[in-house]
Amino acid sequence: MWVCFALLSTGGSHSGYYILGGEEHDIHHKYFKYNYGSIGLMDKIFGTNYYI
């Protein structure tokens, strides 16, 4: 189940469209220090979440 979610999330976030949090993933590639996780839980715990 997790593999299916991970594949959909990766495909959606790298597609250039807003699918499954694509904007947050763009921030990850722009700054390299935010939004590491796929669901954001660990980012919230460690303070690396950044949202527009």
PDB file of N, CA and C in Angstrom:
ATOM      1  N   MET A   1       0.816  -1.185   0.000  1.00  0.00           N
ATOM      2  CA  MET A   1       0.000   0.000   0.000  1.00  0.00           C
ATOM      3  C   MET A   1       0.872   1.266   0.000  1.00  0.00           C
ATOM      4  N   TRP A   2       1.919   1.264   0.831  1.00  0.00           N
ATOM      5  CA  TRP A   2       2.792   2.434   0.896  1.00  0.00           C
ATOM      6  C   TRP A   2       3.500   2.658  -0.434  1.00  0.00           C
ATOM      7  N   VAL A   3       3.895   1.581  -1.096  1.00  0.00           N
ATOM      8  CA  VAL A   3       4.598   1.705  -2.378  1.00  0.00           C
ATOM      9  C   VAL A   3       3.696   2.388  -3.400  1.00  0.00           C
ATOM     10  N   CYS A   4       2.430   2.014  -3.428  1.00  0.00           N
ATOM     11  CA  CYS A   4       1.492   2.655  -4.363  1.00  0.00           C
ATOM     12  C   CYS A   4       1.375   4.148  -4.072  1.00  0.00           C
ATOM     13  N   PHE A   5       1.238   4.501  -2.790  1.00  0.00           N
ATOM     14  CA  PHE A   5       1.158   5.916  -2.424  1.00  0.00           C
ATOM     15  C   PHE A   5       2.443   6.648  -2.796  1.00  0.00           C
ATOM     16  N   ALA A   6       3.590   6.036  -2.522  1.00  0.00           N
ATOM     17  CA  ALA A   6       4.875   6.678  -2.809  1.00  0.00           C
ATOM     18  C   ALA A   6       5.044   6.921  -4.304  1.00  0.00           C
ATOM     19  N   LEU A   7       4.651   5.962  -5.122  1.00  0.00           N
ATOM     20  CA  LEU A   7       4.755   6.134  -6.574  1.00  0.00           C
ATOM     21  C   LEU A   7       3.828   7.236  -7.077  1.00  0.00           C
ATOM     22  N   LEU A   8       2.598   7.251  -6.582  1.00  0.00           N
ATOM     23  CA  LEU A   8       1.661   8.301  -6.991  1.00  0.00           C
ATOM     24  C   LEU A   8       2.130   9.675  -6.519  1.00  0.00           C
ATOM     25  N   SER A   9       2.617   9.736  -5.307  1.00  0.00           N
ATOM     26  CA  SER A   9       3.097  11.004  -4.768  1.00  0.00           C
ATOM     27  C   SER A   9       4.304  11.522  -5.538  1.00  0.00           C
ATOM     28  N   THR A  10       5.245  10.648  -5.832  1.00  0.00           N
ATOM     29  CA  THR A  10       6.441  11.045  -6.576  1.00  0.00           C
ATOM     30  C   THR A  10       6.088  11.498  -7.985  1.00  0.00           C
ATOM     31  N   GLY A  11       5.242  10.738  -8.651  1.00  0.00           N
ATOM     32  CA  GLY A  11       4.824  11.111 -10.000  1.00  0.00           C
ATOM     33  C   GLY A  11       4.070  12.427 -10.026  1.00  0.00           C
ATOM     34  N   GLY A  12       3.187  12.607  -9.064  1.00  0.00           N
ATOM     35  CA  GLY A  12       2.408  13.837  -9.002  1.00  0.00           C
ATOM     36  C   GLY A  12       3.235  15.052  -8.651  1.00  0.00           C
ATOM     37  N   SER A  13       4.163  14.890  -7.725  1.00  0.00           N
ATOM     38  CA  SER A  13       4.946  16.047  -7.293  1.00  0.00           C
ATOM     39  C   SER A  13       6.010  16.459  -8.302  1.00  0.00           C
ATOM     40  N   HIS A  14       6.404  15.570  -9.185  1.00  0.00           N
ATOM     41  CA  HIS A  14       7.393  15.911 -10.208  1.00  0.00           C
ATOM     42  C   HIS A  14       6.768  16.209 -11.573  1.00  0.00           C
ATOM     43  N   SER A  15       5.441  16.199 -11.649  1.00  0.00           N
ATOM     44  CA  SER A  15       4.778  16.368 -12.941  1.00  0.00           C
ATOM     45  C   SER A  15       4.695  17.824 -13.395  1.00  0.00           C
ATOM     46  N   GLY A  16       4.858  18.766 -12.466  1.00  0.00           N
ATOM     47  CA  GLY A  16       4.704  20.171 -12.815  1.00  0.00           C
ATOM     48  C   GLY A  16       3.296  20.683 -12.595  1.00  0.00           C
ATOM     49  N   TYR A  17       2.370  19.791 -12.242  1.00  0.00           N
ATOM     50  CA  TYR A  17       0.992  20.152 -11.936  1.00  0.00           C
ATOM     51  C   TYR A  17       0.769  20.050 -10.439  1.00  0.00           C
ATOM     52  N   TYR A  18      -0.285  20.702  -9.943  1.00  0.00           N
ATOM     53  CA  TYR A  18      -0.609  20.601  -8.522  1.00  0.00           C
ATOM     54  C   TYR A  18      -1.376  19.307  -8.282  1.00  0.00           C
ATOM     55  N   ILE A  19      -0.651  18.261  -7.957  1.00  0.00           N
ATOM     56  CA  ILE A  19      -1.225  16.959  -7.630  1.00  0.00           C
ATOM     57  C   ILE A  19      -0.540  16.471  -6.366  1.00  0.00           C
ATOM     58  N   LEU A  20      -1.303  16.220  -5.331  1.00  0.00           N
ATOM     59  CA  LEU A  20      -0.770  15.666  -4.076  1.00  0.00           C
ATOM     60  C   LEU A  20       0.362  16.504  -3.494  1.00  0.00           C
ATOM     61  N   GLY A  21       0.200  17.792  -3.423  1.00  0.00           N
ATOM     62  CA  GLY A  21       1.192  18.644  -2.777  1.00  0.00           C
ATOM     63  C   GLY A  21       2.380  19.011  -3.635  1.00  0.00           C
ATOM     64  N   GLY A  22       2.174  19.252  -4.882  1.00  0.00           N
ATOM     65  CA  GLY A  22       3.267  19.600  -5.780  1.00  0.00           C
ATOM     66  C   GLY A  22       3.969  20.899  -5.428  1.00  0.00           C
ATOM     67  N   GLU A  23       3.231  21.859  -4.892  1.00  0.00           N
ATOM     68  CA  GLU A  23       3.849  23.146  -4.538  1.00  0.00           C
ATOM     69  C   GLU A  23       4.842  22.988  -3.393  1.00  0.00           C
ATOM     70  N   GLU A  24       4.507  22.143  -2.413  1.00  0.00           N
ATOM     71  CA  GLU A  24       5.431  21.904  -1.309  1.00  0.00           C
ATOM     72  C   GLU A  24       6.697  21.217  -1.802  1.00  0.00           C
ATOM     73  N   HIS A  25       6.557  20.358  -2.780  1.00  0.00           N
ATOM     74  CA  HIS A  25       7.726  19.667  -3.324  1.00  0.00           C
ATOM     75  C   HIS A  25       8.605  20.624  -4.127  1.00  0.00           C
ATOM     76  N   ASP A  26       7.983  21.583  -4.786  1.00  0.00           N
ATOM     77  CA  ASP A  26       8.763  22.606  -5.491  1.00  0.00           C
ATOM     78  C   ASP A  26       9.615  23.412  -4.516  1.00  0.00           C
ATOM     79  N   ILE A  27       9.066  23.708  -3.337  1.00  0.00           N
ATOM     80  CA  ILE A  27       9.836  24.405  -2.303  1.00  0.00           C
ATOM     81  C   ILE A  27      11.022  23.553  -1.882  1.00  0.00           C
ATOM     82  N   HIS A  28      10.818  22.237  -1.766  1.00  0.00           N
ATOM     83  CA  HIS A  28      11.902  21.320  -1.396  1.00  0.00           C
ATOM     84  C   HIS A  28      13.057  21.407  -2.402  1.00  0.00           C
ATOM     85  N   HIS A  29      12.746  21.471  -3.683  1.00  0.00           N
ATOM     86  CA  HIS A  29      13.799  21.548  -4.700  1.00  0.00           C
ATOM     87  C   HIS A  29      14.418  22.947  -4.796  1.00  0.00           C
ATOM     88  N   LYS A  30      13.666  23.965  -4.419  1.00  0.00           N
ATOM     89  CA  LYS A  30      14.183  25.332  -4.502  1.00  0.00           C
ATOM     90  C   LYS A  30      15.141  25.651  -3.357  1.00  0.00           C
ATOM     91  N   TYR A  31      14.822  25.214  -2.139  1.00  0.00           N
ATOM     92  CA  TYR A  31      15.616  25.587  -0.967  1.00  0.00           C
ATOM     93  C   TYR A  31      16.455  24.451  -0.387  1.00  0.00           C
ATOM     94  N   PHE A  32      16.166  23.213  -0.697  1.00  0.00           N
ATOM     95  CA  PHE A  32      16.927  22.036  -0.254  1.00  0.00           C
ATOM     96  C   PHE A  32      16.982  21.841   1.256  1.00  0.00           C
ATOM     97  N   LYS A  33      16.171  22.550   2.026  1.00  0.00           N
ATOM     98  CA  LYS A  33      16.179  22.331   3.471  1.00  0.00           C
ATOM     99  C   LYS A  33      14.776  22.224   4.059  1.00  0.00           C
ATOM    100  N   TYR A  34      13.769  22.095   3.223  1.00  0.00           N
ATOM    101  CA  TYR A  34      12.386  21.983   3.677  1.00  0.00           C
ATOM    102  C   TYR A  34      11.691  20.820   2.983  1.00  0.00           C
ATOM    103  N   ASN A  35      10.631  20.342   3.619  1.00  0.00           N
ATOM    104  CA  ASN A  35       9.680  19.388   3.039  1.00  0.00           C
ATOM    105  C   ASN A  35      10.348  18.117   2.511  1.00  0.00           C
ATOM    106  N   TYR A  36      10.997  17.391   3.403  1.00  0.00           N
ATOM    107  CA  TYR A  36      11.668  16.150   3.016  1.00  0.00           C
ATOM    108  C   TYR A  36      10.715  14.964   2.916  1.00  0.00           C
ATOM    109  N   GLY A  37       9.782  14.856   3.823  1.00  0.00           N
ATOM    110  CA  GLY A  37       8.924  13.673   3.903  1.00  0.00           C
ATOM    111  C   GLY A  37       7.804  13.664   2.890  1.00  0.00           C
ATOM    112  N   SER A  38       7.235  12.466   2.666  1.00  0.00           N
ATOM    113  CA  SER A  38       6.147  12.364   1.703  1.00  0.00           C
ATOM    114  C   SER A  38       4.795  12.739   2.299  1.00  0.00           C
ATOM    115  N   ILE A  39       4.607  12.573   3.604  1.00  0.00           N
ATOM    116  CA  ILE A  39       3.328  12.964   4.199  1.00  0.00           C
ATOM    117  C   ILE A  39       3.465  14.146   5.151  1.00  0.00           C
ATOM    118  N   GLY A  40       4.662  14.577   5.440  1.00  0.00           N
ATOM    119  CA  GLY A  40       4.880  15.772   6.234  1.00  0.00           C
ATOM    120  C   GLY A  40       4.951  15.581   7.739  1.00  0.00           C
ATOM    121  N   LEU A  41       4.704  14.381   8.245  1.00  0.00           N
ATOM    122  CA  LEU A  41       4.718  14.162   9.689  1.00  0.00           C
ATOM    123  C   LEU A  41       6.095  14.415  10.287  1.00  0.00           C
ATOM    124  N   MET A  42       7.122  13.837   9.718  1.00  0.00           N
ATOM    125  CA  MET A  42       8.470  14.025  10.243  1.00  0.00           C
ATOM    126  C   MET A  42       8.944  15.466  10.046  1.00  0.00           C
ATOM    127  N   ASP A  43       8.496  16.106   8.981  1.00  0.00           N
ATOM    128  CA  ASP A  43       8.837  17.518   8.778  1.00  0.00           C
ATOM    129  C   ASP A  43       8.247  18.379   9.891  1.00  0.00           C
ATOM    130  N   LYS A  44       7.030  18.071  10.321  1.00  0.00           N
ATOM    131  CA  LYS A  44       6.418  18.824  11.418  1.00  0.00           C
ATOM    132  C   LYS A  44       7.164  18.580  12.721  1.00  0.00           C
ATOM    133  N   ILE A  45       7.585  17.347  12.955  1.00  0.00           N
ATOM    134  CA  ILE A  45       8.301  17.012  14.188  1.00  0.00           C
ATOM    135  C   ILE A  45       9.649  17.722  14.246  1.00  0.00           C
ATOM    136  N   PHE A  46      10.389  17.724  13.136  1.00  0.00           N
ATOM    137  CA  PHE A  46      11.740  18.280  13.123  1.00  0.00           C
ATOM    138  C   PHE A  46      11.812  19.733  12.656  1.00  0.00           C
ATOM    139  N   GLY A  47      10.670  20.344  12.358  1.00  0.00           N
ATOM    140  CA  GLY A  47      10.648  21.758  11.994  1.00  0.00           C
ATOM    141  C   GLY A  47      11.146  22.061  10.593  1.00  0.00           C
ATOM    142  N   THR A  48      11.073  21.089   9.686  1.00  0.00           N
ATOM    143  CA  THR A  48      11.525  21.324   8.318  1.00  0.00           C
ATOM    144  C   THR A  48      10.361  21.519   7.350  1.00  0.00           C
ATOM    145  N   ASN A  49       9.137  21.659   7.877  1.00  0.00           N
ATOM    146  CA  ASN A  49       8.005  21.883   6.982  1.00  0.00           C
ATOM    147  C   ASN A  49       7.894  23.364   6.635  1.00  0.00           C
ATOM    148  N   TYR A  50       7.612  23.645   5.396  1.00  0.00           N
ATOM    149  CA  TYR A  50       7.439  25.014   4.914  1.00  0.00           C
ATOM    150  C   TYR A  50       6.349  24.990   3.857  1.00  0.00           C
ATOM    151  N   TYR A  51       5.329  25.792   4.049  1.00  0.00           N
ATOM    152  CA  TYR A  51       4.215  25.826   3.116  1.00  0.00           C
ATOM    153  C   TYR A  51       3.975  27.252   2.669  1.00  0.00           C
ATOM    154  N   ILE A  52       3.461  27.387   1.499  1.00  0.00           N
ATOM    155  CA  ILE A  52       3.188  28.699   0.909  1.00  0.00           C
ATOM    156  C   ILE A  52       1.989  29.318   1.598  1.00  0.00           C
TER     157      ILE A  52
END
